[in-house]
Each structure stands twice: as structure tokens, then as C-alpha cells.
């Protein structure tokens, strides 16, 4: 009966699918809250034949450590970064996941991926002075690489390099950040 409902696309099929995976998947829940500060390296002009970064901006952000998804070492880590530039703020919403791949004592390295939505917002006075510019929204692919180390019970510190790949080269960047995750353990 459940298979028939799944085949017809009914709600029972979704429930049955969740039941099948429930034994191997831990429930997502808030495991920790992360705060970070860093630098975002971008380029404001297109350079043909290579990449050269000409802008470094302050990044403030945070994330939620939601724990394992599907397999024990794959962790959901959605977050938000705010890139502060002279006349523009970029609000970057990230749906990232990290795979913990190295364990050496308390140090854990990770690599991951995810999708980001970037809301580029210019100051109103700057938009009036530059009518060719406009606020826009971009989609990106995020590739975080980093490490985390447990400092004490319920406190991790981490360092991360995140490659942000957008549809145009001038919207892509490298983000270097360091931060703390409160309430989390390895």
C-alpha cells in the first residue's frame, strides 16, 4: 500500500520514504552557533587571461551547526555572511554542508559545498549618482575548505577558505575567515 501511494506521489509515499531513511539518518537539530570575521577578496574589473584581486572587504558572518545529514561525517552548516564594501553590502545566504575528512586528536579538517544566494545592495545616494548600477541578486556555488579544533567542552574555533563561484567573474571571490562555534562538540 505504501509503495502504491509513493508511486502515485501521495503524502503516504513521502512518509514511507522518510521511514526507510529514519534509521540511518540522525535528526537535524541545532548543535551550535558559529560567529566569524574575515576578508573577502574580489575583483572589480574583468581581467582577460587570468585573475587578479583588487578589492579586499570585511566579512562578518555566522552559521548554524545542525549536525550530521545522511552519513555521520557530513554536517549541514547553513549560514549568512555580510560583505561590507564602500558603497555596497552583500548579504550572502549559504546552504553549505561540510564533510569531516581528517581526525588527528582534536583537529578536524573539512571540505564541503553548497549553494549561496547573494543580495547585492548599494547605498541609495550611490545608486542615484550611478544610474547604470542596480541592486541585484546572484546565485553561487560555494566550496569551503577548513579546519576546526575543540578548545573546550562546547567551544570550537575554526579557520576557513571559501571559494565563491558566481555566474560572472567579478561576482566570484575568495573568503578567508576565522571564528568560534558555541555549543558544538566534535
C-alpha atoms as a PDB file:
ATOM      1  CA  UNK A   1       0.000   0.000   0.000  1.00  0.00           C
ATOM      2  CA  UNK A   2       2.792   2.451   0.905  1.00  0.00           C
ATOM      3  CA  UNK A   3       4.636   1.666  -2.327  1.00  0.00           C
ATOM      4  CA  UNK A   4       1.466   2.325  -4.332  1.00  0.00           C
ATOM      5  CA  UNK A   5       0.989   5.685  -2.614  1.00  0.00           C
ATOM      6  CA  UNK A   6       4.655   6.553  -3.268  1.00  0.00           C
ATOM      7  CA  UNK A   7       4.260   5.658  -6.942  1.00  0.00           C
ATOM      8  CA  UNK A   8       1.216   7.920  -7.246  1.00  0.00           C
ATOM      9  CA  UNK A   9       3.068  10.756  -5.482  1.00  0.00           C
ATOM     10  CA  UNK A  10       0.864  10.759  -2.380  1.00  0.00           C
ATOM     11  CA  UNK A  11       1.849  12.035   1.066  1.00  0.00           C
ATOM     12  CA  UNK A  12       1.999   8.441   2.277  1.00  0.00           C
ATOM     13  CA  UNK A  13       4.868   7.806  -0.146  1.00  0.00           C
ATOM     14  CA  UNK A  14       6.837  10.670   1.313  1.00  0.00           C
ATOM     15  CA  UNK A  15       6.171   9.357   4.815  1.00  0.00           C
ATOM     16  CA  UNK A  16       7.250   5.859   3.779  1.00  0.00           C
ATOM     17  CA  UNK A  17      10.459   7.205   2.245  1.00  0.00           C
ATOM     18  CA  UNK A  18      11.253   9.089   5.452  1.00  0.00           C
ATOM     19  CA  UNK A  19      10.615   5.918   7.460  1.00  0.00           C
ATOM     20  CA  UNK A  20      13.067   3.960   5.313  1.00  0.00           C
ATOM     21  CA  UNK A  21      15.825   6.529   5.869  1.00  0.00           C
ATOM     22  CA  UNK A  22      14.975   7.299   9.514  1.00  0.00           C
ATOM     23  CA  UNK A  23      17.127   4.502  10.862  1.00  0.00           C
ATOM     24  CA  UNK A  24      20.284   5.721   9.114  1.00  0.00           C
ATOM     25  CA  UNK A  25      19.832   9.494   9.415  1.00  0.00           C
ATOM     26  CA  UNK A  26      20.206  11.470  12.608  1.00  0.00           C
ATOM     27  CA  UNK A  27      17.616  14.156  13.107  1.00  0.00           C
ATOM     28  CA  UNK A  28      18.809  17.640  12.277  1.00  0.00           C
ATOM     29  CA  UNK A  29      18.882  19.872  15.303  1.00  0.00           C
ATOM     30  CA  UNK A  30      20.806  22.883  16.489  1.00  0.00           C
ATOM     31  CA  UNK A  31      24.203  21.632  17.658  1.00  0.00           C
ATOM     32  CA  UNK A  32      25.969  25.003  17.749  1.00  0.00           C
ATOM     33  CA  UNK A  33      26.032  28.640  16.705  1.00  0.00           C
ATOM     34  CA  UNK A  34      29.081  29.979  14.872  1.00  0.00           C
ATOM     35  CA  UNK A  35      30.381  33.535  14.556  1.00  0.00           C
ATOM     36  CA  UNK A  36      33.185  34.588  12.213  1.00  0.00           C
ATOM     37  CA  UNK A  37      35.174  37.502  10.858  1.00  0.00           C
ATOM     38  CA  UNK A  38      37.299  37.574   7.743  1.00  0.00           C
ATOM     39  CA  UNK A  39      38.248  39.119   4.451  1.00  0.00           C
ATOM     40  CA  UNK A  40      36.619  38.750   1.020  1.00  0.00           C
ATOM     41  CA  UNK A  41      38.936  39.084  -1.995  1.00  0.00           C
ATOM     42  CA  UNK A  42      37.209  40.112  -5.231  1.00  0.00           C
ATOM     43  CA  UNK A  43      37.981  41.912  -8.435  1.00  0.00           C
ATOM     44  CA  UNK A  44      36.073  44.937  -9.677  1.00  0.00           C
ATOM     45  CA  UNK A  45      37.305  44.771 -13.276  1.00  0.00           C
ATOM     46  CA  UNK A  46      37.425  41.853 -15.692  1.00  0.00           C
ATOM     47  CA  UNK A  47      40.966  40.755 -16.485  1.00  0.00           C
ATOM     48  CA  UNK A  48      41.346  38.587 -19.549  1.00  0.00           C
ATOM     49  CA  UNK A  49      43.840  35.766 -19.362  1.00  0.00           C
ATOM     50  CA  UNK A  50      43.970  35.480 -15.592  1.00  0.00           C
ATOM     51  CA  UNK A  51      42.679  36.576 -12.230  1.00  0.00           C
ATOM     52  CA  UNK A  52      43.846  39.480 -10.159  1.00  0.00           C
ATOM     53  CA  UNK A  53      42.164  40.553  -6.931  1.00  0.00           C
ATOM     54  CA  UNK A  54      41.903  44.307  -6.470  1.00  0.00           C
ATOM     55  CA  UNK A  55      39.413  44.600  -3.601  1.00  0.00           C
ATOM     56  CA  UNK A  56      39.585  43.284  -0.037  1.00  0.00           C
ATOM     57  CA  UNK A  57      36.439  43.703   2.067  1.00  0.00           C
ATOM     58  CA  UNK A  58      35.494  42.941   5.655  1.00  0.00           C
ATOM     59  CA  UNK A  59      33.239  39.906   6.154  1.00  0.00           C
ATOM     60  CA  UNK A  60      31.112  39.315   9.256  1.00  0.00           C
ATOM     61  CA  UNK A  61      29.025  36.190   9.480  1.00  0.00           C
ATOM     62  CA  UNK A  62      27.520  33.324  11.326  1.00  0.00           C
ATOM     63  CA  UNK A  63      26.258  29.799  10.838  1.00  0.00           C
ATOM     64  CA  UNK A  64      24.156  27.126  12.474  1.00  0.00           C
ATOM     65  CA  UNK A  65      25.784  23.751  13.105  1.00  0.00           C
ATOM     66  CA  UNK A  66      22.913  21.335  12.513  1.00  0.00           C
ATOM     67  CA  UNK A  67      24.807  18.063  12.786  1.00  0.00           C
ATOM     68  CA  UNK A  68      25.044  15.015  10.513  1.00  0.00           C
ATOM     69  CA  UNK A  69      22.997  14.540   7.356  1.00  0.00           C
ATOM     70  CA  UNK A  70      22.664  11.104   5.678  1.00  0.00           C
ATOM     71  CA  UNK A  71      26.134   9.949   6.829  1.00  0.00           C
ATOM     72  CA  UNK A  72      27.850  10.661  10.173  1.00  0.00           C
ATOM     73  CA  UNK A  73      30.669  12.830   8.769  1.00  0.00           C
ATOM     74  CA  UNK A  74      28.526  15.041   6.505  1.00  0.00           C
ATOM     75  CA  UNK A  75      27.272  18.035   8.508  1.00  0.00           C
ATOM     76  CA  UNK A  76      24.706  20.672   7.493  1.00  0.00           C
ATOM     77  CA  UNK A  77      26.025  24.184   8.155  1.00  0.00           C
ATOM     78  CA  UNK A  78      23.713  26.893   6.762  1.00  0.00           C
ATOM     79  CA  UNK A  79      24.800  30.446   7.384  1.00  0.00           C
ATOM     80  CA  UNK A  80      24.893  34.096   6.431  1.00  0.00           C
ATOM     81  CA  UNK A  81      27.807  36.388   5.642  1.00  0.00           C
ATOM     82  CA  UNK A  82      27.732  40.152   5.212  1.00  0.00           C
ATOM     83  CA  UNK A  83      30.448  41.594   2.967  1.00  0.00           C
ATOM     84  CA  UNK A  84      30.983  45.285   3.741  1.00  0.00           C
ATOM     85  CA  UNK A  85      32.365  47.411   0.897  1.00  0.00           C
ATOM     86  CA  UNK A  86      32.489  51.186   0.437  1.00  0.00           C
ATOM     87  CA  UNK A  87      29.080  51.765  -1.155  1.00  0.00           C
ATOM     88  CA  UNK A  88      27.736  48.214  -1.238  1.00  0.00           C
ATOM     89  CA  UNK A  89      26.741  45.490   1.169  1.00  0.00           C
ATOM     90  CA  UNK A  90      26.415  41.895   0.031  1.00  0.00           C
ATOM     91  CA  UNK A  91      24.207  39.627   2.125  1.00  0.00           C
ATOM     92  CA  UNK A  92      25.264  36.068   1.368  1.00  0.00           C
ATOM     93  CA  UNK A  93      22.860  33.303   2.445  1.00  0.00           C
ATOM     94  CA  UNK A  94      24.555  29.899   2.336  1.00  0.00           C
ATOM     95  CA  UNK A  95      23.183  26.380   2.375  1.00  0.00           C
ATOM     96  CA  UNK A  96      26.520  24.623   2.908  1.00  0.00           C
ATOM     97  CA  UNK A  97      27.498  21.148   4.049  1.00  0.00           C
ATOM     98  CA  UNK A  98      30.879  20.025   5.379  1.00  0.00           C
ATOM     99  CA  UNK A  99      32.440  16.599   5.163  1.00  0.00           C
ATOM    100  CA  UNK A 100      34.842  15.969   8.071  1.00  0.00           C
ATOM    101  CA  UNK A 101      37.742  14.119   6.477  1.00  0.00           C
ATOM    102  CA  UNK A 102      40.717  14.177   8.864  1.00  0.00           C
ATOM    103  CA  UNK A 103      40.806  13.313  12.548  1.00  0.00           C
ATOM    104  CA  UNK A 104      44.052  13.879  14.400  1.00  0.00           C
ATOM    105  CA  UNK A 105      43.456  14.252  18.106  1.00  0.00           C
ATOM    106  CA  UNK A 106      41.104  17.221  18.400  1.00  0.00           C
ATOM    107  CA  UNK A 107      41.897  18.758  14.980  1.00  0.00           C
ATOM    108  CA  UNK A 108      39.419  18.033  12.181  1.00  0.00           C
ATOM    109  CA  UNK A 109      39.768  19.162   8.575  1.00  0.00           C
ATOM    110  CA  UNK A 110      36.765  19.534   6.301  1.00  0.00           C
ATOM    111  CA  UNK A 111      35.753  20.167   2.727  1.00  0.00           C
ATOM    112  CA  UNK A 112      32.290  20.946   1.536  1.00  0.00           C
ATOM    113  CA  UNK A 113      29.952  22.530  -0.906  1.00  0.00           C
ATOM    114  CA  UNK A 114      26.702  24.371  -1.135  1.00  0.00           C
ATOM    115  CA  UNK A 115      24.553  26.906  -2.883  1.00  0.00           C
ATOM    116  CA  UNK A 116      24.527  30.583  -1.989  1.00  0.00           C
ATOM    117  CA  UNK A 117      22.199  33.480  -2.702  1.00  0.00           C
ATOM    118  CA  UNK A 118      23.884  36.887  -2.744  1.00  0.00           C
ATOM    119  CA  UNK A 119      21.844  40.039  -2.311  1.00  0.00           C
ATOM    120  CA  UNK A 120      23.961  42.967  -3.543  1.00  0.00           C
ATOM    121  CA  UNK A 121      22.647  46.228  -2.105  1.00  0.00           C
ATOM    122  CA  UNK A 122      24.084  49.655  -2.890  1.00  0.00           C
ATOM    123  CA  UNK A 123      23.701  52.792  -0.776  1.00  0.00           C
ATOM    124  CA  UNK A 124      20.741  54.870  -2.127  1.00  0.00           C
ATOM    125  CA  UNK A 125      22.869  58.009  -2.672  1.00  0.00           C
ATOM    126  CA  UNK A 126      25.437  55.951  -4.603  1.00  0.00           C
ATOM    127  CA  UNK A 127      22.683  54.472  -6.815  1.00  0.00           C
ATOM    128  CA  UNK A 128      21.368  57.953  -7.648  1.00  0.00           C
ATOM    129  CA  UNK A 129      24.861  59.117  -8.620  1.00  0.00           C
ATOM    130  CA  UNK A 130      25.429  55.952 -10.719  1.00  0.00           C
ATOM    131  CA  UNK A 131      22.179  55.212 -12.619  1.00  0.00           C
ATOM    132  CA  UNK A 132      23.799  52.322 -14.548  1.00  0.00           C
ATOM    133  CA  UNK A 133      24.091  50.320 -11.289  1.00  0.00           C
ATOM    134  CA  UNK A 134      21.236  48.489  -9.597  1.00  0.00           C
ATOM    135  CA  UNK A 135      20.636  46.201  -6.648  1.00  0.00           C
ATOM    136  CA  UNK A 136      20.747  42.603  -7.786  1.00  0.00           C
ATOM    137  CA  UNK A 137      20.601  39.001  -6.620  1.00  0.00           C
ATOM    138  CA  UNK A 138      23.051  36.307  -7.698  1.00  0.00           C
ATOM    139  CA  UNK A 139      23.294  32.553  -7.187  1.00  0.00           C
ATOM    140  CA  UNK A 140      26.666  30.990  -6.415  1.00  0.00           C
ATOM    141  CA  UNK A 141      28.383  27.696  -5.790  1.00  0.00           C
ATOM    142  CA  UNK A 142      30.323  27.647  -2.504  1.00  0.00           C
ATOM    143  CA  UNK A 143      33.319  25.413  -1.825  1.00  0.00           C
ATOM    144  CA  UNK A 144      34.522  25.709   1.804  1.00  0.00           C
ATOM    145  CA  UNK A 145      37.810  24.166   2.966  1.00  0.00           C
ATOM    146  CA  UNK A 146      38.871  24.454   6.562  1.00  0.00           C
ATOM    147  CA  UNK A 147      39.707  23.005   9.927  1.00  0.00           C
ATOM    148  CA  UNK A 148      38.187  23.126  13.371  1.00  0.00           C
ATOM    149  CA  UNK A 149      39.587  22.358  16.792  1.00  0.00           C
ATOM    150  CA  UNK A 150      37.801  21.882  20.069  1.00  0.00           C
ATOM    151  CA  UNK A 151      39.046  24.449  22.591  1.00  0.00           C
ATOM    152  CA  UNK A 152      36.869  23.313  25.493  1.00  0.00           C
ATOM    153  CA  UNK A 153      33.615  21.497  26.019  1.00  0.00           C
ATOM    154  CA  UNK A 154      31.046  23.271  23.856  1.00  0.00           C
ATOM    155  CA  UNK A 155      33.533  25.576  22.085  1.00  0.00           C
ATOM    156  CA  UNK A 156      35.277  25.096  18.728  1.00  0.00           C
ATOM    157  CA  UNK A 157      37.467  27.502  16.806  1.00  0.00           C
ATOM    158  CA  UNK A 158      37.839  27.239  13.044  1.00  0.00           C
ATOM    159  CA  UNK A 159      39.633  28.680  10.046  1.00  0.00           C
ATOM    160  CA  UNK A 160      38.129  28.545   6.587  1.00  0.00           C
ATOM    161  CA  UNK A 161      38.818  29.379   2.960  1.00  0.00           C
ATOM    162  CA  UNK A 162      35.645  29.557   0.892  1.00  0.00           C
ATOM    163  CA  UNK A 163      35.702  29.751  -2.878  1.00  0.00           C
ATOM    164  CA  UNK A 164      32.553  31.537  -4.098  1.00  0.00           C
ATOM    165  CA  UNK A 165      31.844  30.889  -7.792  1.00  0.00           C
ATOM    166  CA  UNK A 166      29.181  33.118  -9.372  1.00  0.00           C
ATOM    167  CA  UNK A 167      27.970  33.484 -12.955  1.00  0.00           C
ATOM    168  CA  UNK A 168      30.341  36.402 -13.620  1.00  0.00           C
ATOM    169  CA  UNK A 169      33.986  36.539 -12.629  1.00  0.00           C
ATOM    170  CA  UNK A 170      33.595  39.920 -10.912  1.00  0.00           C
ATOM    171  CA  UNK A 171      30.966  38.417  -8.556  1.00  0.00           C
ATOM    172  CA  UNK A 172      33.204  35.494  -7.533  1.00  0.00           C
ATOM    173  CA  UNK A 173      35.570  35.679  -4.577  1.00  0.00           C
ATOM    174  CA  UNK A 174      37.852  34.016  -2.057  1.00  0.00           C
ATOM    175  CA  UNK A 175      36.791  34.361   1.585  1.00  0.00           C
ATOM    176  CA  UNK A 176      39.234  33.785   4.407  1.00  0.00           C
ATOM    177  CA  UNK A 177      37.667  33.694   7.862  1.00  0.00           C
ATOM    178  CA  UNK A 178      38.253  32.589  11.438  1.00  0.00           C
ATOM    179  CA  UNK A 179      35.672  32.151  14.135  1.00  0.00           C
ATOM    180  CA  UNK A 180      34.149  30.283  17.033  1.00  0.00           C
ATOM    181  CA  UNK A 181      31.300  27.797  17.225  1.00  0.00           C
ATOM    182  CA  UNK A 182      29.491  27.884  20.561  1.00  0.00           C
ATOM    183  CA  UNK A 183      27.737  24.816  21.928  1.00  0.00           C
ATOM    184  CA  UNK A 184      29.335  22.435  19.455  1.00  0.00           C
ATOM    185  CA  UNK A 185      31.441  19.386  20.007  1.00  0.00           C
ATOM    186  CA  UNK A 186      33.193  17.064  17.644  1.00  0.00           C
END
